Amino acid sequence: MARMAREYFVYMLSNRSGTLYVGVTNDLVRRVWQHKQGTNDGFTKRYRIDRLVWLESGGDVLVAIAREKQIKGWRREKKVSLIVAGNPAWDDLSAGWFDSTRG
């Protein structure tokens, strides 16, 4: 029986003020939904960080975790450069993912 390949996402979220959060997940849609709904207490709920502004994916969880830690260790300017390179307007990349009955 073939093992299904997993996909892992390293992502950055922001709020209207530009505060940044870096995370890793194997279910990006579910995780973004949780951030948008504020279901988990903590930093992202406290600062209403719910706009997906950058992401990358890969098939190796250890690589994804290492990348998350690498980005978390960067200065803000370097994180902003990464976002701007792919999303200069800082659009919410998850806009339209959820219908009006879910959020």
Protein backbone atom coordinates (compact mmCIF):
# COMPACT_ATOMS: atom_id res chain seq x y z
CA MET A 1 0.00 0.00 0.00
CA ALA A 2 1.45 3.35 -1.05
CA ARG A 3 1.91 5.98 1.60
CA MET A 4 0.18 9.28 0.83
CA ALA A 5 2.55 12.20 0.54
CA ARG A 6 1.92 15.00 2.99
CA GLU A 7 2.30 18.66 2.30
CA TYR A 8 3.60 21.04 4.96
CA PHE A 9 3.23 24.79 4.91
CA VAL A 10 5.35 27.51 6.44
CA TYR A 11 3.32 30.70 6.52
CA MET A 12 3.24 34.26 7.74
CA LEU A 13 0.18 36.07 8.98
CA SER A 14 -0.26 39.74 9.69
CA ASN A 15 -2.88 42.12 11.03
CA ARG A 16 -3.88 45.60 9.91
CA SER A 17 -1.00 47.08 11.92
CA GLY A 18 1.60 44.84 10.24
CA THR A 19 2.42 42.64 13.23
CA LEU A 20 3.85 39.35 11.95
CA TYR A 21 3.42 35.73 12.99
CA VAL A 22 5.27 32.74 11.50
CA GLY A 23 3.82 29.24 11.71
CA VAL A 24 3.94 25.74 10.24
CA THR A 25 1.07 23.33 9.56
CA ASN A 26 0.03 20.34 7.47
CA ASP A 27 -3.49 21.75 6.95
CA LEU A 28 -3.24 25.37 5.87
CA VAL A 29 -6.96 25.97 5.32
CA ARG A 30 -7.89 24.63 8.78
CA ARG A 31 -5.08 26.57 10.45
CA VAL A 32 -5.94 29.87 8.75
CA TRP A 33 -9.60 29.32 9.72
CA GLN A 34 -8.51 28.87 13.35
CA HIS A 35 -6.51 32.10 13.24
CA LYS A 36 -9.40 34.01 11.64
CA GLN A 37 -11.87 32.71 14.24
CA GLY A 38 -9.51 33.21 17.19
CA THR A 39 -10.12 29.65 18.38
CA ASN A 40 -6.69 29.33 20.02
CA ASP A 41 -5.69 31.65 22.84
CA GLY A 42 -2.35 33.34 22.41
CA PHE A 43 -0.43 35.88 20.35
CA THR A 44 -2.47 35.73 17.14
CA LYS A 45 -5.79 36.00 18.97
CA ARG A 46 -4.60 38.81 21.23
CA TYR A 47 -3.34 40.90 18.30
CA ARG A 48 -6.01 39.78 15.78
CA ILE A 49 -3.41 38.41 13.38
CA ASP A 50 -5.55 36.80 10.69
CA ARG A 51 -4.31 37.82 7.23
CA LEU A 52 -2.29 35.23 5.32
CA VAL A 53 0.42 37.26 3.59
CA TRP A 54 3.05 34.64 2.65
CA LEU A 55 3.43 30.88 2.40
CA GLU A 56 5.61 28.15 1.01
CA SER A 57 5.09 24.41 0.96
CA GLY A 58 7.07 21.21 0.81
CA GLY A 59 6.84 17.52 1.51
CA ASP A 60 9.25 17.17 4.44
CA VAL A 61 8.05 18.10 7.91
CA LEU A 62 11.58 18.47 9.28
CA VAL A 63 12.51 20.89 6.50
CA ALA A 64 9.32 22.87 7.15
CA ILE A 65 9.99 23.10 10.89
CA ALA A 66 13.60 24.15 10.25
CA ARG A 67 12.41 26.82 7.80
CA GLU A 68 9.86 28.13 10.31
CA LYS A 69 12.59 28.42 12.97
CA GLN A 70 14.93 30.08 10.47
CA ILE A 71 12.35 32.73 9.53
CA LYS A 72 11.35 33.29 13.16
CA GLY A 73 15.00 34.12 13.86
CA TRP A 74 15.15 36.78 11.15
CA ARG A 75 14.85 40.49 11.75
CA ARG A 76 11.54 42.04 10.75
CA GLU A 77 13.07 43.69 7.66
CA LYS A 78 14.08 40.34 6.19
CA LYS A 79 10.59 38.88 6.82
CA VAL A 80 9.01 41.92 5.16
CA SER A 81 11.30 41.50 2.14
CA LEU A 82 10.18 37.89 1.78
CA ILE A 83 6.51 38.94 1.87
CA VAL A 84 6.96 41.86 -0.53
CA ALA A 85 8.81 39.67 -3.07
CA GLY A 86 5.67 37.58 -3.61
CA ASN A 87 2.87 39.77 -2.27
CA PRO A 88 3.84 43.45 -2.61
CA ALA A 89 0.38 44.72 -1.61
CA TRP A 90 0.23 42.44 1.46
CA ASP A 91 -3.09 41.06 0.20
CA ASP A 92 -4.81 38.41 2.32
CA LEU A 93 -3.95 35.30 0.30
CA SER A 94 -6.80 33.45 1.99
CA ALA A 95 -9.47 35.95 0.90
CA GLY A 96 -12.43 34.02 -0.47
CA TRP A 97 -11.43 30.68 1.08
CA PHE A 98 -14.38 30.64 3.45
CA ASP A 99 -18.02 31.25 2.54
CA SER A 100 -20.09 33.75 4.47
CA THR A 101 -21.57 31.06 6.74
CA ARG A 102 -18.09 30.07 7.99
CA GLY A 103 -16.45 33.48 8.17
